[in-house]
Protein backbone atom coordinates (compact mmCIF):
# COMPACT_ATOMS: atom_id res chain seq x y z
CA MET A 1 10.33 -21.60 -15.28
CA VAL A 2 10.46 -20.39 -11.66
CA LEU A 3 7.32 -18.26 -11.56
CA ASP A 4 5.09 -17.43 -14.52
CA ALA A 5 2.69 -14.47 -14.30
CA ALA A 6 -0.04 -16.56 -12.67
CA SER A 7 2.44 -17.89 -10.09
CA VAL A 8 3.72 -14.40 -9.31
CA ARG A 9 0.10 -13.42 -8.69
CA ARG A 10 -0.46 -16.44 -6.41
CA TRP A 11 2.74 -15.78 -4.47
CA CYS A 12 1.96 -12.13 -3.81
CA ARG A 13 -1.60 -12.86 -2.73
CA LEU A 14 -0.54 -15.81 -0.56
CA ALA A 15 2.23 -13.73 1.06
CA ALA A 16 -0.17 -10.84 1.66
CA ASP A 17 -2.75 -13.14 3.24
CA ALA A 18 -0.10 -14.86 5.38
CA LEU A 19 1.26 -11.52 6.61
CA GLY A 20 -2.30 -10.42 7.31
CA ARG A 21 -2.74 -13.39 9.64
CA THR A 22 0.66 -13.04 11.33
CA ARG A 23 1.28 -9.30 11.41
CA GLY A 24 -0.01 -8.92 14.97
CA GLU A 25 2.61 -11.41 16.16
CA ILE A 26 5.29 -9.67 14.08
CA ASP A 27 4.25 -6.26 15.42
CA ALA A 28 4.75 -7.61 18.95
CA LEU A 29 8.38 -8.51 18.14
CA ASN A 30 9.22 -5.01 16.90
CA VAL A 31 11.94 -3.42 19.06
CA PHE A 32 14.49 -2.47 16.37
CA PRO A 33 15.31 0.09 15.02
CA VAL A 34 12.59 1.70 17.18
CA PRO A 35 9.98 -0.07 19.34
CA ASP A 36 6.96 1.30 17.50
CA GLY A 37 5.18 -2.04 17.07
CA ASP A 38 4.20 -1.73 13.39
CA THR A 39 6.68 -3.83 11.37
CA GLY A 40 4.16 -6.58 10.62
CA THR A 41 1.55 -4.06 9.57
CA ASN A 42 4.03 -2.22 7.33
CA LEU A 43 5.17 -5.43 5.64
CA HIS A 44 1.57 -6.48 5.12
CA LEU A 45 0.65 -3.17 3.48
CA THR A 46 3.74 -3.32 1.24
CA VAL A 47 3.01 -6.84 -0.02
CA LEU A 48 -0.68 -6.05 -0.27
CA ALA A 49 0.14 -3.28 -2.75
CA ALA A 50 2.10 -5.77 -4.84
CA ALA A 51 -0.68 -8.35 -4.65
CA ASP A 52 -3.33 -5.86 -5.73
CA ALA A 53 -1.17 -4.85 -8.71
CA ALA A 54 -0.72 -8.49 -9.70
CA ASP A 55 -4.45 -9.14 -9.43
CA ALA A 56 -5.14 -6.19 -11.74
CA LEU A 57 -3.08 -7.71 -14.57
CA PRO A 58 -4.97 -9.19 -17.53
CA SER A 59 -5.17 -12.97 -17.69
CA GLY A 60 -2.69 -13.16 -20.57
CA ALA A 61 0.00 -11.01 -18.96
CA ARG A 62 3.59 -12.00 -19.56
CA GLU A 63 6.02 -13.00 -16.84
CA ALA A 64 8.01 -9.78 -17.31
CA ASP A 65 4.84 -7.69 -17.01
CA ALA A 66 3.93 -9.39 -13.72
CA TRP A 67 7.33 -8.84 -12.15
CA ARG A 68 7.41 -5.23 -13.32
CA ALA A 69 3.95 -4.59 -11.89
CA VAL A 70 4.62 -6.09 -8.44
CA SER A 71 8.04 -4.48 -8.00
CA GLN A 72 6.71 -1.06 -9.02
CA ALA A 73 3.64 -1.39 -6.79
CA ALA A 74 5.78 -2.44 -3.82
CA LEU A 75 8.05 0.56 -4.39
CA LEU A 76 5.07 2.92 -4.44
CA GLY A 77 3.25 1.24 -1.56
CA ALA A 78 6.18 0.47 0.76
CA ARG A 79 5.63 1.35 4.42
CA GLY A 80 8.23 1.61 7.16
CA ASN A 81 11.87 0.60 7.25
CA SER A 82 11.27 -3.11 6.60
CA GLY A 83 8.63 -2.48 3.95
CA VAL A 84 11.01 -0.29 1.95
CA ILE A 85 13.72 -2.96 2.18
CA LEU A 86 11.25 -5.66 1.11
CA SER A 87 10.26 -3.57 -1.92
CA GLN A 88 13.92 -3.62 -2.95
CA VAL A 89 13.94 -7.41 -2.53
CA LEU A 90 11.08 -7.66 -5.02
CA ARG A 91 12.89 -5.30 -7.37
CA GLY A 92 16.02 -7.45 -7.23
CA MET A 93 14.08 -10.65 -7.91
CA ALA A 94 12.25 -8.93 -10.78
CA ASP A 95 15.57 -7.93 -12.39
CA VAL A 96 16.52 -11.60 -12.70
CA LEU A 97 13.26 -13.53 -12.97
CA GLY A 98 11.51 -10.96 -15.17
CA ALA A 99 14.16 -11.29 -17.90
CA PRO A 100 13.78 -13.90 -20.66
CA ALA A 101 16.17 -16.73 -19.85
CA GLU A 102 16.29 -20.36 -18.85
CA ARG A 103 14.56 -20.93 -15.54
CA GLY A 104 15.39 -23.27 -12.70
CA GLY A 105 17.01 -23.46 -9.30
CA ALA A 106 20.03 -21.48 -10.47
CA ALA A 107 17.83 -18.59 -11.58
CA LEU A 108 15.97 -18.47 -8.27
CA ALA A 109 19.25 -18.54 -6.36
CA GLU A 110 20.65 -15.78 -8.57
CA ALA A 111 17.49 -13.71 -8.01
CA LEU A 112 17.75 -13.99 -4.23
CA GLU A 113 21.46 -13.16 -4.28
CA HIS A 114 20.83 -10.11 -6.45
CA ALA A 115 17.96 -9.06 -4.16
CA SER A 116 20.26 -9.39 -1.14
CA VAL A 117 22.94 -7.21 -2.74
CA LEU A 118 20.44 -4.51 -3.73
CA ALA A 119 18.71 -4.48 -0.35
CA ARG A 120 21.99 -4.15 1.55
CA ALA A 121 23.16 -1.36 -0.76
CA ALA A 122 19.93 0.54 -0.12
CA VAL A 123 20.56 0.73 3.64
CA GLU A 124 23.06 3.43 4.56
CA HIS A 125 24.40 1.62 7.62
CA PRO A 126 23.56 -2.11 7.42
CA VAL A 127 23.21 -3.95 10.74
CA GLU A 128 23.56 -7.70 11.26
CA GLY A 129 20.75 -9.55 13.00
CA THR A 130 18.13 -7.94 10.78
CA ILE A 131 16.19 -8.70 7.61
CA LEU A 132 19.43 -8.11 5.64
CA SER A 133 21.41 -10.90 7.28
CA VAL A 134 18.47 -13.32 7.08
CA LEU A 135 18.03 -12.54 3.38
CA ALA A 136 21.75 -13.16 2.79
CA GLU A 137 21.48 -16.56 4.51
CA ALA A 138 18.42 -17.44 2.43
CA ALA A 139 20.32 -16.59 -0.76
CA SER A 140 23.33 -18.63 0.35
CA ALA A 141 21.17 -21.67 1.16
CA ALA A 142 19.40 -21.34 -2.18
CA SER A 143 22.73 -21.26 -4.02
CA GLU A 144 23.91 -24.45 -2.33
CA ALA A 145 20.71 -26.27 -3.33
CA SER A 146 20.29 -24.81 -6.82
CA ALA A 147 21.62 -27.86 -8.66
CA ALA A 148 18.80 -29.96 -7.18
CA GLY A 149 16.10 -27.99 -9.00
CA VAL A 150 13.80 -25.08 -8.35
CA GLU A 151 11.62 -26.80 -5.73
CA GLU A 152 14.57 -27.76 -3.55
CA THR A 153 16.05 -24.29 -4.04
CA ALA A 154 12.87 -22.65 -2.79
CA ARG A 155 12.68 -25.00 0.21
CA ALA A 156 16.33 -24.30 1.01
CA ALA A 157 15.85 -20.54 0.85
CA ALA A 158 12.91 -20.69 3.25
CA GLY A 159 14.74 -23.07 5.58
CA GLY A 160 17.92 -21.01 5.53
CA ALA A 161 15.96 -17.90 6.41
CA ARG A 162 14.30 -19.66 9.37
CA ARG A 163 17.65 -20.83 10.73
CA ALA A 164 19.14 -17.36 10.36
CA LEU A 165 16.09 -15.83 12.04
CA ARG A 166 16.70 -17.78 15.23
CA ARG A 167 20.25 -16.41 15.36
CA THR A 168 19.17 -12.77 15.19
CA THR A 169 18.43 -12.69 18.94
CA GLY A 170 22.13 -13.15 19.66
CA GLN A 171 23.30 -10.71 16.99
CA LEU A 172 21.67 -7.55 18.34
CA ASP A 173 21.78 -6.49 21.99
CA VAL A 174 18.33 -4.88 21.85
CA LEU A 175 16.83 -8.17 20.63
CA ALA A 176 18.63 -10.17 23.31
CA ARG A 177 17.46 -7.82 26.07
CA SER A 178 13.85 -8.16 24.93
CA GLY A 179 14.05 -11.88 24.22
CA VAL A 180 12.84 -11.61 20.61
CA VAL A 181 13.94 -12.29 17.05
CA ASP A 182 14.03 -9.46 14.54
CA ALA A 183 10.53 -8.48 13.42
CA GLY A 184 11.43 -7.55 9.83
CA ALA A 185 13.35 -10.80 9.41
CA ALA A 186 10.37 -12.75 10.76
CA GLY A 187 8.17 -11.12 8.13
CA LEU A 188 10.66 -12.00 5.39
CA CYS A 189 10.49 -15.64 6.52
CA VAL A 190 6.72 -15.60 6.05
CA VAL A 191 7.18 -14.18 2.52
CA LEU A 192 9.78 -16.85 1.63
CA ASP A 193 7.58 -19.60 3.11
CA ALA A 194 4.81 -18.42 0.77
CA LEU A 195 7.26 -18.48 -2.16
CA ALA A 196 8.25 -22.06 -1.36
CA ALA A 197 4.58 -23.04 -1.05
CA VAL A 198 3.77 -21.71 -4.55
CA VAL A 199 6.85 -23.28 -6.16
CA THR A 200 6.39 -26.69 -4.53
CA GLU A 201 2.58 -26.59 -4.32
CA GLU A 202 2.91 -27.66 -0.69
CA TYR A 203 0.79 -25.21 1.27
CA PRO A 204 1.19 -25.09 5.07
CA GLU A 205 -1.84 -24.93 7.32
CA HIS A 206 -0.35 -21.89 9.07
CA TYR A 207 2.71 -19.65 8.87
CA GLU A 208 4.84 -19.67 11.99
CA VAL A 209 6.12 -16.57 13.69
CA PRO A 210 8.64 -17.57 16.38
CA ALA A 211 7.57 -17.00 19.97
CA ARG A 212 9.75 -14.81 22.13
CA THR A 213 12.81 -16.71 23.22
CA ALA A 214 11.82 -16.25 26.85
CA GLY A 215 8.36 -17.63 26.10
CA THR A 216 6.53 -14.49 27.20
CA ALA A 217 6.89 -10.77 26.78
CA PRO A 218 9.29 -9.15 29.26
CA PRO A 219 7.69 -6.93 31.89
CA PRO A 220 7.20 -3.29 30.91
CA ALA A 221 10.12 -2.10 33.02
CA GLU A 222 12.51 -4.25 30.95
CA ARG A 223 11.21 -3.18 27.58
CA PRO A 224 13.46 -0.80 25.59
CA GLU A 225 12.63 2.84 25.96
CA PRO A 226 12.19 4.76 22.71
CA GLN A 227 15.49 6.37 21.78
CA GLY A 228 16.94 8.22 18.83
CA PRO A 229 15.22 10.62 16.43
CA GLY A 230 11.58 11.44 16.99
CA TYR A 231 10.11 11.29 13.47
CA GLU A 232 9.91 8.77 10.66
CA VAL A 233 9.86 10.56 7.30
CA MET A 234 8.95 8.76 4.07
CA TYR A 235 8.29 10.07 0.60
CA LEU A 236 8.40 9.10 -3.03
CA LEU A 237 10.88 11.17 -4.98
CA ASP A 238 11.08 11.99 -8.66
CA ALA A 239 14.78 12.75 -9.14
CA PRO A 240 17.65 11.90 -11.47
CA ASP A 241 19.89 9.11 -10.27
CA GLU A 242 22.88 11.42 -9.89
CA ALA A 243 21.00 13.58 -7.34
CA VAL A 244 20.40 10.68 -4.98
CA HIS A 245 24.00 10.33 -3.79
CA ARG A 246 24.01 13.85 -2.39
CA LEU A 247 20.54 13.30 -0.91
CA ARG A 248 21.83 10.25 0.92
CA GLU A 249 24.72 12.25 2.38
CA THR A 250 22.38 15.01 3.53
CA LEU A 251 19.85 12.68 5.13
CA ASP A 252 22.56 10.57 6.76
CA GLY A 253 23.74 13.72 8.50
CA LEU A 254 20.23 14.46 9.74
CA GLY A 255 19.31 11.12 11.31
CA ASP A 256 19.49 7.35 11.05
CA SER A 257 17.66 4.27 9.67
CA LEU A 258 18.21 5.71 6.20
CA VAL A 259 16.97 3.53 3.33
CA VAL A 260 16.68 4.76 -0.27
CA VAL A 261 15.37 2.34 -2.90
CA GLY A 262 14.31 2.62 -6.51
CA GLY A 263 15.93 3.86 -9.68
CA ASP A 264 15.22 5.17 -13.17
CA GLY A 265 14.06 8.49 -11.75
CA LEU A 266 11.66 7.20 -9.05
CA TRP A 267 12.78 6.59 -5.47
CA ASN A 268 11.27 5.68 -2.11
CA VAL A 269 13.03 7.48 0.74
CA HIS A 270 12.86 6.47 4.42
CA VAL A 271 14.72 8.09 7.33
CA HIS A 272 14.37 8.74 11.08
CA VAL A 273 15.12 12.35 12.03
CA ASP A 274 14.43 14.98 14.66
CA ASP A 275 13.82 17.67 12.02
CA ALA A 276 11.18 16.33 9.64
CA GLY A 277 11.11 19.61 7.70
CA ALA A 278 14.82 19.42 6.92
CA ALA A 279 14.41 15.87 5.58
CA ILE A 280 11.62 17.00 3.27
CA GLU A 281 13.63 20.06 2.18
CA ALA A 282 16.50 17.74 1.25
CA GLY A 283 14.09 15.91 -1.02
CA LEU A 284 12.99 19.19 -2.58
CA ALA A 285 16.60 20.02 -3.31
CA ALA A 286 17.06 16.67 -5.08
CA GLY A 287 13.81 16.54 -7.04
CA ARG A 288 10.04 16.38 -6.47
CA PRO A 289 8.95 14.62 -3.28
CA HIS A 290 5.34 13.41 -3.09
CA ARG A 291 3.21 11.11 -0.93
CA VAL A 292 5.03 12.58 2.04
CA ARG A 293 4.36 10.74 5.34
CA VAL A 294 5.64 11.81 8.75
CA ALA A 295 5.03 9.67 11.84
CA TYR A 296 5.94 10.39 15.45
CA LEU A 297 8.07 7.47 16.63
CA HIS A 298 7.84 7.83 20.41
CA ALA A 299 4.08 7.79 20.83
CA ALA A 300 4.01 4.19 22.03
CA SER A 301 6.45 1.39 22.78
CA ALA A 302 6.35 -2.00 21.15
CA GLY A 303 4.28 -4.78 22.61
CA GLU A 304 1.68 -2.51 24.16
CA PRO A 305 -1.64 -3.41 22.52
CA HIS A 306 -3.87 -0.54 21.58
CA GLU A 307 -7.26 -0.78 23.22
CA PRO A 308 -10.32 -0.49 20.99
CA HIS A 309 -11.00 3.19 20.45
CA ALA A 310 -14.74 3.81 20.29
CA GLY A 311 -14.12 7.51 19.62
CA ARG A 312 -12.07 6.93 16.48
CA ALA A 313 -13.05 9.29 13.67
CA VAL A 314 -13.22 9.23 9.90
CA VAL A 315 -12.81 12.47 7.94
CA ALA A 316 -14.14 12.42 4.36
CA VAL A 317 -13.64 15.06 1.69
CA THR A 318 -16.33 15.77 -0.90
CA ALA A 319 -17.62 18.55 -3.16
CA ALA A 320 -21.23 17.32 -3.44
CA ASP A 321 -24.24 17.85 -1.18
CA GLY A 322 -25.67 14.38 -1.65
CA LEU A 323 -22.33 12.69 -1.09
CA ALA A 324 -21.82 14.74 2.06
CA VAL A 325 -25.11 13.37 3.39
CA LEU A 326 -24.08 9.79 2.53
CA PHE A 327 -20.76 10.15 4.34
CA GLU A 328 -22.35 11.78 7.38
CA GLU A 329 -25.07 9.13 7.62
CA ALA A 330 -22.31 6.51 7.66
CA GLY A 331 -20.64 8.30 10.59
CA ALA A 332 -17.91 10.34 8.89
CA ARG A 333 -17.05 13.97 9.47
CA VAL A 334 -17.16 15.84 6.18
CA VAL A 335 -14.80 18.51 4.86
CA ARG A 336 -16.37 20.31 1.91
CA ARG A 337 -14.45 21.57 -1.10
CA GLU A 338 -15.44 23.51 -4.18
CA PRO A 339 -15.90 21.49 -7.40
CA GLY A 340 -12.62 21.41 -9.29
CA ALA A 341 -10.62 22.61 -6.28
CA VAL A 342 -9.02 21.11 -3.19
CA PRO A 343 -9.89 22.22 0.35
CA PRO A 344 -7.41 24.61 2.02
CA LEU A 345 -4.59 22.69 3.68
CA ALA A 346 -5.13 24.47 7.00
CA VAL A 347 -8.86 23.66 6.97
CA LEU A 348 -8.29 19.94 6.36
CA ALA A 349 -5.47 19.74 8.92
CA GLU A 350 -7.65 21.47 11.52
CA ALA A 351 -10.53 19.08 10.81
CA ILE A 352 -8.21 16.11 11.31
CA LEU A 353 -6.83 17.54 14.56
CA ALA A 354 -10.32 18.24 15.88
CA ALA A 355 -11.59 14.76 15.03
CA GLY A 356 -9.64 12.83 17.68
CA ASP A 357 -6.39 11.01 18.37
CA GLU A 358 -7.07 8.18 15.89
CA VAL A 359 -8.23 9.47 12.53
CA VAL A 360 -8.74 7.89 9.10
CA VAL A 361 -8.91 10.32 6.17
CA LEU A 362 -10.86 9.55 2.97
CA PRO A 363 -9.89 11.71 -0.05
CA ASP A 364 -12.11 11.77 -3.16
CA GLU A 365 -9.69 12.70 -5.96
CA PRO A 366 -5.97 12.17 -6.69
CA GLU A 367 -5.28 15.87 -6.06
CA VAL A 368 -7.09 15.68 -2.72
CA LEU A 369 -5.12 12.55 -1.83
CA ALA A 370 -1.84 14.46 -2.15
CA LEU A 371 -3.22 17.30 -0.03
CA ALA A 372 -4.57 14.87 2.59
CA GLU A 373 -1.09 13.38 3.04
CA ALA A 374 0.30 16.86 3.67
CA ALA A 375 -2.51 17.74 6.08
CA ALA A 376 -2.00 14.47 7.95
CA GLU A 377 1.71 15.24 8.24
CA ARG A 378 0.89 18.57 9.87
CA ALA A 379 -1.66 17.02 12.23
CA ARG A 380 0.70 14.22 13.31
CA ASP A 381 2.97 16.77 14.98
CA GLY A 382 0.42 16.75 17.80
CA GLY A 383 0.96 13.01 18.41
CA ALA A 384 -2.28 11.79 16.80
CA ARG A 385 -2.40 8.49 14.91
CA ILE A 386 -3.54 9.37 11.40
CA ALA A 387 -3.89 7.23 8.30
CA VAL A 388 -4.86 8.38 4.82
CA VAL A 389 -6.67 5.74 2.79
CA PRO A 390 -5.42 6.11 -0.83
CA ALA A 391 -8.91 6.65 -2.24
CA LYS A 392 -9.03 8.48 -5.57
CA ALA A 393 -12.82 8.62 -5.94
CA SER A 394 -15.88 9.03 -3.73
CA VAL A 395 -17.04 5.48 -4.49
CA GLN A 396 -13.77 4.16 -3.05
CA GLY A 397 -14.27 6.28 0.07
CA LEU A 398 -17.80 4.92 0.52
CA ALA A 399 -16.52 1.35 0.12
CA ALA A 400 -13.85 2.00 2.76
CA LEU A 401 -16.37 3.54 5.14
CA ALA A 402 -18.67 0.54 4.73
CA VAL A 403 -16.11 -1.74 6.42
CA HIS A 404 -14.97 0.77 9.08
CA ASP A 405 -15.14 -0.66 12.59
CA PRO A 406 -14.09 1.66 15.46
CA LEU A 407 -13.80 -1.31 17.84
CA ARG A 408 -11.01 -2.88 15.80
CA ARG A 409 -7.34 -2.21 16.43
CA PHE A 410 -6.42 0.94 14.50
CA GLY A 411 -4.02 -0.82 12.14
CA ASP A 412 -6.57 -3.54 11.42
CA ASP A 413 -9.22 -0.95 10.66
CA VAL A 414 -6.97 1.00 8.31
CA ILE A 415 -5.97 -2.14 6.42
CA ALA A 416 -9.58 -3.28 6.03
CA MET A 417 -10.59 0.16 4.74
CA THR A 418 -7.59 0.36 2.41
CA ARG A 419 -8.36 -3.06 0.94
CA ALA A 420 -12.02 -2.16 0.42
CA ALA A 421 -11.05 1.03 -1.39
CA GLY A 422 -8.45 -0.76 -3.50
CA ALA A 423 -10.96 -3.46 -4.48
CA THR A 424 -13.32 -0.84 -5.91
CA ARG A 425 -12.81 0.16 -9.54
CA PHE A 426 -14.16 3.60 -10.30
CA GLY A 427 -15.50 5.40 -13.33
CA HIS A 428 -17.53 8.49 -14.14
CA LEU A 429 -19.12 10.49 -16.93
CA GLU A 430 -18.26 14.03 -17.92
CA VAL A 431 -19.51 16.39 -20.62
CA ALA A 432 -16.67 17.89 -22.66
CA ALA A 433 -16.43 21.67 -22.40
CA GLU A 434 -13.94 22.12 -25.25
CA GLU A 435 -12.29 20.28 -28.09
CA ALA A 436 -9.48 17.99 -26.98
CA VAL A 437 -7.51 14.93 -28.02
CA THR A 438 -8.12 11.92 -25.75
CA SER A 439 -6.71 8.41 -25.65
CA VAL A 440 -9.67 7.20 -27.74
CA GLY A 441 -9.85 10.08 -30.19
CA LEU A 442 -10.97 13.67 -30.60
CA CYS A 443 -13.80 15.01 -28.44
CA ARG A 444 -15.81 18.15 -29.11
CA PRO A 445 -17.81 20.43 -26.81
CA GLY A 446 -20.95 18.66 -25.65
CA ASP A 447 -19.62 15.14 -26.17
CA VAL A 448 -20.18 12.71 -23.30
CA LEU A 449 -16.91 11.22 -22.01
CA GLY A 450 -16.83 7.89 -20.20
CA LEU A 451 -13.79 7.62 -17.94
CA ILE A 452 -12.43 4.57 -16.10
CA GLU A 453 -9.81 5.08 -13.41
CA GLY A 454 -9.30 8.64 -14.71
CA ASP A 455 -8.69 7.70 -18.38
CA VAL A 456 -11.18 8.33 -21.19
CA ALA A 457 -12.50 4.95 -22.32
CA THR A 458 -15.31 5.95 -24.66
CA ILE A 459 -16.94 9.01 -26.26
CA GLY A 460 -20.55 9.39 -27.34
CA ALA A 461 -23.51 11.71 -27.70
CA ASP A 462 -25.98 10.01 -25.35
CA VAL A 463 -25.38 9.92 -21.60
CA ALA A 464 -27.21 6.61 -21.05
CA GLU A 465 -25.43 4.85 -23.91
CA VAL A 466 -21.99 6.00 -22.77
CA ALA A 467 -22.85 4.95 -19.22
CA ARG A 468 -23.82 1.45 -20.40
CA ARG A 469 -20.56 1.08 -22.32
CA VAL A 470 -18.49 2.19 -19.35
CA LEU A 471 -20.36 -0.09 -16.96
CA ASP A 472 -20.10 -3.12 -19.24
CA ARG A 473 -16.37 -2.56 -19.68
CA MET A 474 -15.80 -2.19 -15.93
CA LEU A 475 -17.71 -5.41 -15.26
CA SER A 476 -15.80 -7.35 -17.94
CA GLY A 477 -13.12 -7.97 -15.35
CA GLY A 478 -15.63 -9.26 -12.81
CA GLY A 479 -17.60 -7.64 -10.03
CA GLU A 480 -20.29 -8.39 -7.46
CA LEU A 481 -21.50 -4.96 -6.36
CA VAL A 482 -22.14 -1.88 -8.50
CA THR A 483 -22.67 1.56 -6.97
CA LEU A 484 -24.30 4.25 -9.13
CA ILE A 485 -24.34 7.83 -7.88
CA ALA A 486 -26.40 10.21 -9.99
CA GLY A 487 -25.26 13.80 -10.37
CA ARG A 488 -27.24 17.03 -10.18
CA ASP A 489 -27.60 17.23 -13.98
CA ALA A 490 -28.14 13.52 -14.68
CA PRO A 491 -31.02 12.74 -17.06
CA PRO A 492 -34.11 11.52 -15.18
CA GLY A 493 -34.10 7.77 -14.68
CA LEU A 494 -30.44 7.33 -15.69
CA ALA A 495 -29.41 5.20 -12.72
CA GLU A 496 -32.67 3.21 -12.72
CA GLY A 497 -32.24 2.44 -16.42
CA LEU A 498 -28.71 1.19 -15.82
CA ARG A 499 -29.98 -1.04 -13.04
CA GLU A 500 -32.48 -2.58 -15.46
CA HIS A 501 -29.71 -2.99 -18.02
CA LEU A 502 -27.66 -4.94 -15.48
CA HIS A 503 -30.57 -7.06 -14.33
CA GLY A 504 -31.02 -8.20 -17.92
CA GLY A 505 -27.38 -9.07 -18.60
CA ARG A 506 -25.83 -9.53 -15.15
CA PRO A 507 -28.52 -10.64 -12.70
CA ASP A 508 -25.78 -11.85 -10.33
CA VAL A 509 -24.63 -8.28 -9.66
CA GLU A 510 -26.06 -6.29 -6.74
CA VAL A 511 -26.80 -2.65 -7.61
CA CYS A 512 -27.00 0.29 -5.17
CA LEU A 513 -28.37 3.67 -6.31
CA TYR A 514 -27.69 7.02 -4.64
CA ASP A 515 -28.30 10.68 -5.37
CA GLY A 516 -24.95 12.42 -5.03
CA ALA A 517 -26.01 15.81 -6.42
CA GLN A 518 -22.44 16.29 -7.67
CA ARG A 519 -21.74 18.87 -10.38
CA ARG A 520 -19.75 18.22 -13.57
CA CYS A 521 -20.26 14.43 -13.42
CA PRO A 522 -23.73 13.12 -14.37
CA LEU A 523 -22.77 9.73 -12.95
CA LEU A 524 -20.21 8.16 -10.64
CA ILE A 525 -19.68 4.39 -10.91
CA GLY A 526 -18.08 1.96 -8.49
CA VAL A 527 -17.53 -1.77 -9.09
CA GLU A 528 -16.47 -4.05 -6.25
């Protein structure tokens, strides 16, 4: 066996942690395809999505389940050109290593070769001296060593990638002029080093990112000026496979750096264009684009560190008076919405624009998350740096805001907030208004529904009893901090009674109580 489910989980988490420690160095290498200085951050966020998905698997998950989860999560969470390519690498490895078969060095070599073929096919105009050529060398080295066993195959893949990385400087003129190796390829080396560490159980003290070949960064006058299209457009696309060929042709005519990955009706599309609207319209013609992100590429050149921005702002969306007070007391600017509705797009976009030139947006529901991405896209046209934390509940937004630090580098702050939100499981109670069929049976008007992550988990007649069942189930997977936010119509003493319930059975858990005054939901629950 190359990697069982537990090993897949360890690899993804180790790779995410290693990229977290090295992404600043990788960002500093980023001059191709555009010098926007975010390749390390994008790779980190992509692998972090895979790691979080692996961590969420039950302890008895099968190998195939683990590979399916991490490849799907990487596809959905991929950021930037290199992140999208890396998601295809994980998909290719999952195709081979997630299938029931004999395992060994040959299987790992086959997985890397298949990943290399898929990744290269996803890029419309492959360029040598990039992550693609380094991946190909890693696969070739793995193949040559495969007869010696899986451990030697993993070592060979990592070593082959490192050797190929050093050659990238001479393969691309823009790298040679800046005296750097390719940033995306450097990140891939870190990921393959982590793979070798898990397979061999030989863990390095640190993960090396090569220094610039000249030893120091070239002076500003010698750094490459931003060229080419002005916008990076990314979106997920629900579309039949046969529609993607025409989409590729259309997008290739609009710009460059085109990468389309995925399959089976779900795709991740990345392209650099001057007309962002036309790229999105092409997606609409092919299927249903969502999670649309548009970034201005020429706002800053690579290698220029961003100074701490004390005026950075956080914009939070909520429908409840008490929650609005909590967000404002924590320093966020609040955009109000009506219960059951999303705020107007123009209102949210204007609030983001007015907040500053570095803005983090905290949605509070999945529908608001989709709208926030669209509002951020509109606001980015003014050159602001905007990130939307993928929070789907108010408790996730509060967790993100708790770790917000305006003196950190913007990318660091966004990653810390995103991780805090992702580490918070959320649940809530509702009272059924009509008869309906749920995943746990029929509910009738007046029944109390206990939902976890948006799905009905239990039905009952008593609010406190349903709340205890939901809370116990959420904590069955572990947790150190529970947040309870009572709604406007919550029975008196509901949250306090739940705290006593936890103190009796889980005295190790810290409990925080708040009055959210939200309608519809007697209780919101967060578990970190």
